[in-house]
Amino acid sequence: MVKVNGNDALTNGNHEKIFKEDGISAYARPDLHQGLLDDKVRTDFYKNTILKNKDLFEGKVVLDISCGLGMMSLFAAEAGARKVIGVEPSAVADQAVDIVKDNGLENVITIVKGKLDDLELEEKVDIIISEIMGVGLIHETGIRSLLDARNRFLKPGGLLLPDKNNLYICGVEAKKLHDRHIGYWNDVYGFDFSEMGTHAKSYAWHVPLKERQIVTEPALLKEYDWSTCAAGDLFFSTPFTLMCKKNDKIHSLAIYFDIQFNNSDRLSTGPEAASTHWGQLAFHLEEVLDVKEGDTIQGTFSVKPHGEWDLEFQLKIDYKETSLTKAYYHYCPVSPNGSHVMYTTDE
C-alpha cells in the first residue's frame, strides 16, 4: 500500500497564487516538460543507461522521485522492473497516471501525487532514480529529497541513478556574453542604465558555452557520492587552480557538472560536450584576464543557500597582479515566462 497526502490540482487562473504558496506546482506546465523531454542528450542518457543495465533492473522495485510525466518510470518498466513507484508533487502527476494507463503499464507503475515527505512504502526499494540536478548542480532543493529517499526507502546495497555527480570550474572567453549581459546597460534607447549593469555583474548567468570558448583546463571543485553524502555536505568552500591551455582572454569563469552511474556511464554538461538544458553557470569577472598558455590562476570557490530556492556564490581569484573577490547570486530555476531554458547564447 502506498499512502500519501496529495496536493490540490493546478487549475486555470490560480497559477500565480499556487506558485507563490508552493513553487513546486509551477512545474506542472507542459512547456517545462516538453523542454526536458526535448533535451535528447539528457533523456537518451537515462534511457540508454537504464536499458543497457537491464540485468540490474529486471525483477526489481524502483522508486522514481520527482518523476514528472513518468518518462524514467517507463524506461525502468521497459527494462523489466517488477514494480515502479513514481512520486510527483506537482499537478502534472495527473497526466502521468493517464500516460501510464495509455501505455498499458498500470500493473507495473504506480504514480503517487504528493510530496516525498508524506510517502510511506510497505517495502524497501532496490533502485532510486532521480533527475533533480539543477543549473549548477545543487540549485534545486530536490537533492535533499534524494537523500531523504535514500535514507528511508533504499535497501542496503541498493542502487542510485545517478550515484555520483562531480562539479567543475573553468575559465572561458565570453566577450559577446559579457557585452550582452553587462555592456548592454550602458546605452538603452539612448539612456544610461549602467546602474542595472552593476547589478547584472553579481548575477550567475545560465548560458550555453561552446568548446572553442574554453581557455583553461577544468578544475574539480566537488565530488558528490550520493550513497554516502549527507545534507551538510551539499554546500562548501574549496580552493582551485586553473591551468591556461592557450593564449586568450578570460571574461568569465563557468561551472558545470557530470552525471555518473555504476562507474560505467557518464554524461558531461560541460562546454566540451553536447548541449543540454542545464547549460553552464557563468560568473562574469570585473576585470578581463589576458592569459598565456601555461599560466595558472589560483582561486577559491564557495557556495551556500540564499533563501529557500536560491544560491549565493563567493569567488576569489588571484592572477599575477590581479586579485578579485566577488559574490554572485542565482535565482529560482523557473523563469517568469515559463521556459525551463533560460540561457542566452553568444551567437
Protein backbone atom coordinates (compact mmCIF):
# COMPACT_ATOMS: atom_id res chain seq x y z
CA MET A 1 0.00 0.00 0.00
CA VAL A 2 1.29 3.45 -0.95
CA LYS A 3 -0.12 6.27 1.17
CA VAL A 4 0.47 9.96 0.61
CA ASN A 5 -1.16 13.30 1.27
CA GLY A 6 -1.82 14.78 -2.17
CA ASN A 7 -1.95 18.48 -3.08
CA ASP A 8 -4.60 20.45 -4.91
CA ALA A 9 -4.61 20.33 -8.69
CA LEU A 10 -3.30 23.27 -10.67
CA THR A 11 -6.36 24.85 -12.25
CA ASN A 12 -6.84 27.65 -14.71
CA GLY A 13 -6.45 31.07 -13.18
CA ASN A 14 -4.69 30.17 -9.95
CA HIS A 15 -1.14 29.56 -11.18
CA GLU A 16 0.31 32.74 -9.68
CA LYS A 17 -1.27 32.03 -6.29
CA ILE A 18 -0.04 28.43 -6.22
CA PHE A 19 3.43 29.40 -7.39
CA LYS A 20 3.80 31.90 -4.56
CA GLU A 21 2.49 29.46 -1.96
CA ASP A 22 4.07 26.28 -3.33
CA GLY A 23 6.71 26.89 -6.00
CA ILE A 24 6.94 23.23 -6.99
CA SER A 25 3.46 23.38 -8.54
CA ALA A 26 4.84 25.67 -11.24
CA TYR A 27 6.43 22.56 -12.72
CA ALA A 28 3.01 21.36 -13.89
CA ARG A 29 3.21 23.45 -17.07
CA PRO A 30 3.55 21.44 -20.31
CA ASP A 31 6.22 23.71 -21.78
CA LEU A 32 8.63 22.81 -18.99
CA HIS A 33 8.17 19.09 -19.52
CA GLN A 34 8.42 19.33 -23.28
CA GLY A 35 11.69 21.21 -22.81
CA LEU A 36 13.04 18.41 -20.63
CA LEU A 37 11.94 15.61 -22.95
CA ASP A 38 13.26 17.50 -25.98
CA ASP A 39 16.70 17.51 -24.34
CA LYS A 40 17.81 14.38 -26.20
CA VAL A 41 21.25 14.33 -24.61
CA ARG A 42 19.72 14.18 -21.14
CA THR A 43 16.83 11.86 -21.97
CA ASP A 44 18.89 9.47 -24.12
CA PHE A 45 21.48 9.20 -21.34
CA TYR A 46 18.85 7.98 -18.89
CA LYS A 47 17.19 5.71 -21.46
CA ASN A 48 20.43 4.12 -22.65
CA THR A 49 21.81 3.75 -19.13
CA ILE A 50 18.66 2.03 -17.86
CA LEU A 51 18.19 -0.27 -20.85
CA LYS A 52 21.87 -1.14 -21.04
CA ASN A 53 21.70 -2.28 -17.43
CA LYS A 54 18.59 -4.44 -17.70
CA ASP A 55 20.26 -7.06 -15.51
CA LEU A 56 20.21 -4.52 -12.65
CA PHE A 57 16.54 -3.59 -13.16
CA GLU A 58 14.90 -6.89 -14.04
CA GLY A 59 12.54 -8.05 -11.28
CA LYS A 60 13.46 -5.12 -9.01
CA VAL A 61 11.45 -2.46 -7.18
CA VAL A 62 12.26 1.05 -8.39
CA LEU A 63 11.44 4.45 -6.86
CA ASP A 64 11.40 7.40 -9.28
CA ILE A 65 11.40 10.65 -7.30
CA SER A 66 10.07 13.88 -8.83
CA CYS A 67 9.05 11.73 -11.77
CA GLY A 68 7.26 14.44 -13.77
CA LEU A 69 5.37 12.77 -16.63
CA GLY A 70 6.93 9.42 -15.73
CA MET A 71 9.49 9.04 -18.51
CA MET A 72 12.12 7.41 -16.30
CA SER A 73 9.47 5.16 -14.75
CA LEU A 74 8.53 3.98 -18.24
CA PHE A 75 12.17 3.24 -19.04
CA ALA A 76 12.51 1.26 -15.80
CA ALA A 77 9.40 -0.77 -16.65
CA GLU A 78 10.78 -1.39 -20.15
CA ALA A 79 13.98 -2.68 -18.54
CA GLY A 80 11.98 -5.31 -16.65
CA ALA A 81 11.38 -3.79 -13.22
CA ARG A 82 8.78 -5.72 -11.20
CA LYS A 83 7.34 -2.57 -9.62
CA VAL A 84 7.95 1.13 -10.22
CA ILE A 85 6.71 3.87 -7.90
CA GLY A 86 6.84 7.37 -9.39
CA VAL A 87 6.40 10.25 -6.93
CA GLU A 88 5.48 13.69 -8.26
CA PRO A 89 4.45 16.65 -6.05
CA SER A 90 3.02 18.84 -8.82
CA ALA A 91 -0.33 18.57 -10.59
CA VAL A 92 1.33 17.01 -13.64
CA ALA A 93 1.08 13.72 -11.71
CA ASP A 94 -2.50 13.50 -13.00
CA GLN A 95 -1.22 13.39 -16.58
CA ALA A 96 1.46 10.87 -15.61
CA VAL A 97 -1.23 8.49 -14.30
CA ASP A 98 -3.05 8.65 -17.64
CA ILE A 99 0.18 8.22 -19.61
CA VAL A 100 0.98 5.05 -17.67
CA LYS A 101 -2.51 3.68 -18.42
CA ASP A 102 -2.31 4.68 -22.09
CA ASN A 103 0.88 2.62 -22.38
CA GLY A 104 -0.61 -0.41 -20.62
CA LEU A 105 1.80 -0.33 -17.68
CA GLU A 106 -0.55 0.39 -14.78
CA ASN A 107 0.17 -3.09 -13.36
CA VAL A 108 3.86 -2.18 -13.07
CA ILE A 109 3.95 1.58 -12.48
CA THR A 110 2.15 3.43 -9.70
CA ILE A 111 2.19 7.23 -9.83
CA VAL A 112 1.86 8.90 -6.43
CA LYS A 113 0.76 12.52 -6.37
CA GLY A 114 2.25 14.29 -3.37
CA LYS A 115 5.41 15.21 -1.56
CA LEU A 116 8.09 12.68 -0.79
CA ASP A 117 7.96 13.74 2.87
CA ASP A 118 4.50 12.20 3.12
CA LEU A 119 5.31 8.97 1.30
CA GLU A 120 5.06 5.61 3.07
CA LEU A 121 6.10 2.31 1.46
CA GLU A 122 5.46 -1.19 2.71
CA GLU A 123 8.75 -2.45 1.26
CA LYS A 124 12.21 -1.07 0.60
CA VAL A 125 13.27 -0.41 -2.99
CA ASP A 126 16.22 -1.77 -4.96
CA ILE A 127 16.87 1.32 -7.09
CA ILE A 128 16.13 5.04 -6.78
CA ILE A 129 16.05 7.12 -9.97
CA SER A 130 16.31 10.89 -9.66
CA GLU A 131 16.66 13.75 -12.10
CA ILE A 132 16.91 16.56 -9.62
CA MET A 133 20.15 18.22 -10.71
CA GLY A 134 19.56 21.95 -11.11
CA VAL A 135 21.51 24.53 -13.07
CA GLY A 136 24.89 24.50 -11.34
CA LEU A 137 24.03 21.03 -9.96
CA ILE A 138 22.92 21.87 -6.41
CA HIS A 139 20.38 24.54 -7.30
CA GLU A 140 17.21 22.59 -6.65
CA THR A 141 16.07 21.51 -3.21
CA GLY A 142 15.23 18.13 -4.76
CA ILE A 143 18.70 16.92 -3.80
CA ARG A 144 17.54 16.91 -0.21
CA SER A 145 14.61 14.75 -1.34
CA LEU A 146 17.09 12.28 -2.83
CA LEU A 147 18.95 12.00 0.46
CA ASP A 148 15.70 11.55 2.36
CA ALA A 149 14.52 8.84 -0.05
CA ARG A 150 17.87 7.05 0.19
CA ASN A 151 17.80 7.06 3.98
CA ARG A 152 14.19 5.91 4.30
CA PHE A 153 13.49 3.65 1.35
CA LEU A 154 16.66 2.19 -0.23
CA LYS A 155 17.62 -1.38 0.63
CA PRO A 156 21.15 -1.96 1.95
CA GLY A 157 23.34 -2.28 -1.14
CA GLY A 158 20.66 -0.68 -3.32
CA LEU A 159 21.50 1.47 -6.35
CA LEU A 160 21.06 5.16 -7.12
CA LEU A 161 20.78 6.63 -10.63
CA PRO A 162 22.75 8.82 -10.73
CA ASP A 163 25.02 7.66 -7.95
CA LYS A 164 27.66 10.37 -8.39
CA ASN A 165 27.98 13.94 -9.65
CA ASN A 166 31.16 15.97 -9.95
CA LEU A 167 31.21 19.79 -10.13
CA TYR A 168 33.87 21.55 -12.25
CA ILE A 169 35.06 25.09 -12.98
CA CYS A 170 36.91 26.50 -16.00
CA GLY A 171 37.90 29.85 -17.49
CA VAL A 172 36.23 30.93 -20.74
CA GLU A 173 36.42 33.60 -23.40
CA ALA A 174 32.96 35.20 -23.36
CA LYS A 175 33.23 38.72 -24.75
CA LYS A 176 29.88 38.59 -26.57
CA LEU A 177 28.09 37.34 -23.47
CA HIS A 178 29.88 39.89 -21.27
CA ASP A 179 28.88 42.70 -23.62
CA ARG A 180 25.31 41.44 -23.81
CA HIS A 181 24.82 40.96 -20.08
CA ILE A 182 26.88 43.88 -18.75
CA GLY A 183 27.69 46.34 -21.54
CA TYR A 184 24.09 46.34 -22.78
CA TRP A 185 23.04 48.58 -19.91
CA ASN A 186 25.40 51.42 -20.80
CA ASP A 187 23.06 52.71 -23.51
CA VAL A 188 19.41 51.58 -23.60
CA TYR A 189 17.48 53.62 -26.17
CA GLY A 190 19.88 56.49 -25.54
CA PHE A 191 19.60 56.37 -21.74
CA ASP A 192 22.21 55.37 -19.16
CA PHE A 193 21.06 52.19 -17.41
CA SER A 194 24.51 51.30 -16.05
CA GLU A 195 23.11 51.01 -12.52
CA MET A 196 21.38 47.82 -13.69
CA GLY A 197 24.67 46.73 -15.24
CA THR A 198 26.25 46.88 -11.80
CA HIS A 199 23.53 44.55 -10.53
CA ALA A 200 23.98 42.25 -13.54
CA LYS A 201 27.66 41.79 -12.65
CA SER A 202 26.57 39.98 -9.49
CA TYR A 203 24.33 37.53 -11.31
CA ALA A 204 25.39 33.98 -12.17
CA TRP A 205 24.23 33.64 -15.78
CA HIS A 206 22.74 30.44 -17.20
CA VAL A 207 24.49 30.11 -20.58
CA PRO A 208 25.34 27.53 -23.27
CA LEU A 209 29.08 27.84 -23.84
CA LYS A 210 30.96 26.29 -26.74
CA GLU A 211 34.12 24.19 -26.65
CA ARG A 212 36.05 26.87 -28.57
CA GLN A 213 35.47 29.29 -25.67
CA ILE A 214 37.31 27.15 -23.11
CA VAL A 215 40.64 28.74 -22.17
CA THR A 216 41.75 26.63 -19.20
CA GLU A 217 41.79 23.02 -18.18
CA PRO A 218 38.86 22.26 -15.87
CA ALA A 219 39.37 22.03 -12.11
CA LEU A 220 37.36 19.68 -9.93
CA LEU A 221 35.50 21.59 -7.23
CA LYS A 222 33.46 18.91 -5.52
CA GLU A 223 32.72 15.20 -5.75
CA TYR A 224 29.24 14.11 -4.65
CA ASP A 225 28.75 10.42 -3.88
CA TRP A 226 25.02 10.18 -3.21
CA SER A 227 25.36 6.81 -1.49
CA THR A 228 27.22 8.47 1.40
CA CYS A 229 26.60 12.23 1.04
CA ALA A 230 24.85 13.97 3.94
CA ALA A 231 22.81 17.19 3.84
CA GLY A 232 25.70 19.06 5.45
CA ASP A 233 27.96 18.12 2.53
CA LEU A 234 25.96 19.98 -0.15
CA PHE A 235 27.48 23.43 0.39
CA PHE A 236 31.21 24.01 0.51
CA SER A 237 34.25 26.23 0.06
CA THR A 238 37.29 24.91 -1.79
CA PRO A 239 40.50 26.19 -3.43
CA PHE A 240 41.18 25.53 -7.11
CA THR A 241 43.91 26.02 -9.72
CA LEU A 242 43.21 26.66 -13.40
CA MET A 243 45.92 25.92 -15.99
CA CYS A 244 45.65 28.03 -19.14
CA LYS A 245 45.96 25.92 -22.27
CA LYS A 246 46.21 28.75 -24.83
CA ASN A 247 46.83 32.47 -25.23
CA ASP A 248 43.47 34.19 -24.87
CA LYS A 249 41.32 36.49 -22.75
CA ILE A 250 39.18 35.19 -19.89
CA HIS A 251 35.98 37.17 -19.36
CA SER A 252 34.22 34.67 -17.11
CA LEU A 253 34.57 31.54 -15.05
CA ALA A 254 31.95 28.85 -15.52
CA ILE A 255 30.80 25.83 -13.56
CA TYR A 256 29.22 22.62 -14.85
CA PHE A 257 28.79 19.03 -13.71
CA ASP A 258 28.74 15.43 -14.82
CA ILE A 259 26.28 12.62 -14.15
CA GLN A 260 27.53 9.11 -13.35
CA PHE A 261 26.10 5.65 -12.75
CA ASN A 262 27.70 2.40 -11.64
CA ASN A 263 31.24 3.55 -12.57
CA SER A 264 30.49 2.99 -16.25
CA ASP A 265 28.01 5.55 -17.58
CA ARG A 266 28.84 9.26 -17.64
CA LEU A 267 27.29 12.41 -19.09
CA SER A 268 29.07 15.78 -19.02
CA THR A 269 27.20 19.09 -19.10
CA GLY A 270 30.43 20.98 -19.85
CA PRO A 271 31.14 23.26 -22.82
CA GLU A 272 33.17 20.48 -24.45
CA ALA A 273 30.13 18.18 -24.60
CA ALA A 274 26.83 18.17 -26.45
CA SER A 275 24.49 20.91 -25.21
CA THR A 276 21.86 20.15 -22.57
CA HIS A 277 19.11 22.22 -20.93
CA TRP A 278 21.39 22.55 -17.88
CA GLY A 279 23.95 24.59 -19.84
CA GLN A 280 26.56 26.17 -17.58
CA LEU A 281 26.62 28.95 -14.97
CA ALA A 282 28.92 31.84 -15.90
CA PHE A 283 30.42 34.34 -13.47
CA HIS A 284 31.49 37.47 -15.35
CA LEU A 285 34.73 38.94 -14.00
CA GLU A 286 35.19 42.59 -13.05
CA GLU A 287 38.47 42.59 -15.00
CA VAL A 288 39.29 40.67 -18.17
CA LEU A 289 42.33 38.41 -17.73
CA ASP A 290 44.84 38.40 -20.61
CA VAL A 291 46.44 34.98 -20.16
CA LYS A 292 49.20 32.99 -21.80
CA GLU A 293 49.49 29.26 -22.34
CA GLY A 294 50.89 27.64 -19.19
CA ASP A 295 49.75 30.42 -16.84
CA THR A 296 47.93 29.41 -13.68
CA ILE A 297 45.03 31.10 -11.91
CA GLN A 298 44.57 30.45 -8.21
CA GLY A 299 41.14 30.76 -6.67
CA THR A 300 38.62 29.82 -4.02
CA PHE A 301 35.02 28.89 -4.79
CA SER A 302 32.25 28.86 -2.18
CA VAL A 303 28.53 28.19 -2.39
CA LYS A 304 25.78 28.47 0.20
CA PRO A 305 21.97 28.78 0.19
CA HIS A 306 20.37 32.20 -0.31
CA GLY A 307 16.80 31.79 0.87
CA GLU A 308 14.86 28.60 0.15
CA TRP A 309 15.39 28.35 -3.61
CA ASP A 310 18.41 30.46 -4.46
CA LEU A 311 22.19 30.24 -4.22
CA GLU A 312 24.99 32.61 -3.24
CA PHE A 313 28.46 32.02 -4.68
CA GLN A 314 31.69 33.58 -3.47
CA LEU A 315 34.51 33.67 -5.99
CA LYS A 316 38.08 34.74 -5.24
CA ILE A 317 40.84 34.60 -7.85
CA ASP A 318 44.48 35.64 -7.99
CA TYR A 319 46.34 36.00 -11.28
CA LYS A 320 49.65 37.87 -11.40
CA GLU A 321 48.89 41.38 -10.08
CA THR A 322 45.12 40.89 -10.30
CA SER A 323 43.16 39.87 -7.21
CA LEU A 324 39.36 39.70 -7.37
CA THR A 325 36.74 38.75 -4.78
CA LYS A 326 33.03 38.91 -5.55
CA ALA A 327 29.68 37.44 -4.51
CA TYR A 328 27.29 36.17 -7.18
CA TYR A 329 23.68 35.05 -6.96
CA HIS A 330 21.46 32.73 -8.96
CA TYR A 331 17.72 32.76 -8.53
CA CYS A 332 14.69 30.48 -8.86
CA PRO A 333 15.13 27.98 -11.73
CA VAL A 334 11.65 28.60 -13.16
CA SER A 335 11.67 31.65 -15.40
CA PRO A 336 8.77 34.15 -15.41
CA ASN A 337 7.73 33.24 -18.96
CA GLY A 338 7.53 29.57 -18.13
CA SER A 339 10.58 28.47 -20.10
CA HIS A 340 12.89 25.96 -18.43
CA VAL A 341 15.67 27.01 -20.82
CA MET A 342 16.69 30.43 -19.54
CA TYR A 343 20.08 30.95 -21.10
CA THR A 344 21.26 33.32 -23.84
CA THR A 345 23.78 32.29 -26.46
CA ASP A 346 26.93 34.01 -27.65
CA GLU A 347 25.89 33.69 -31.28
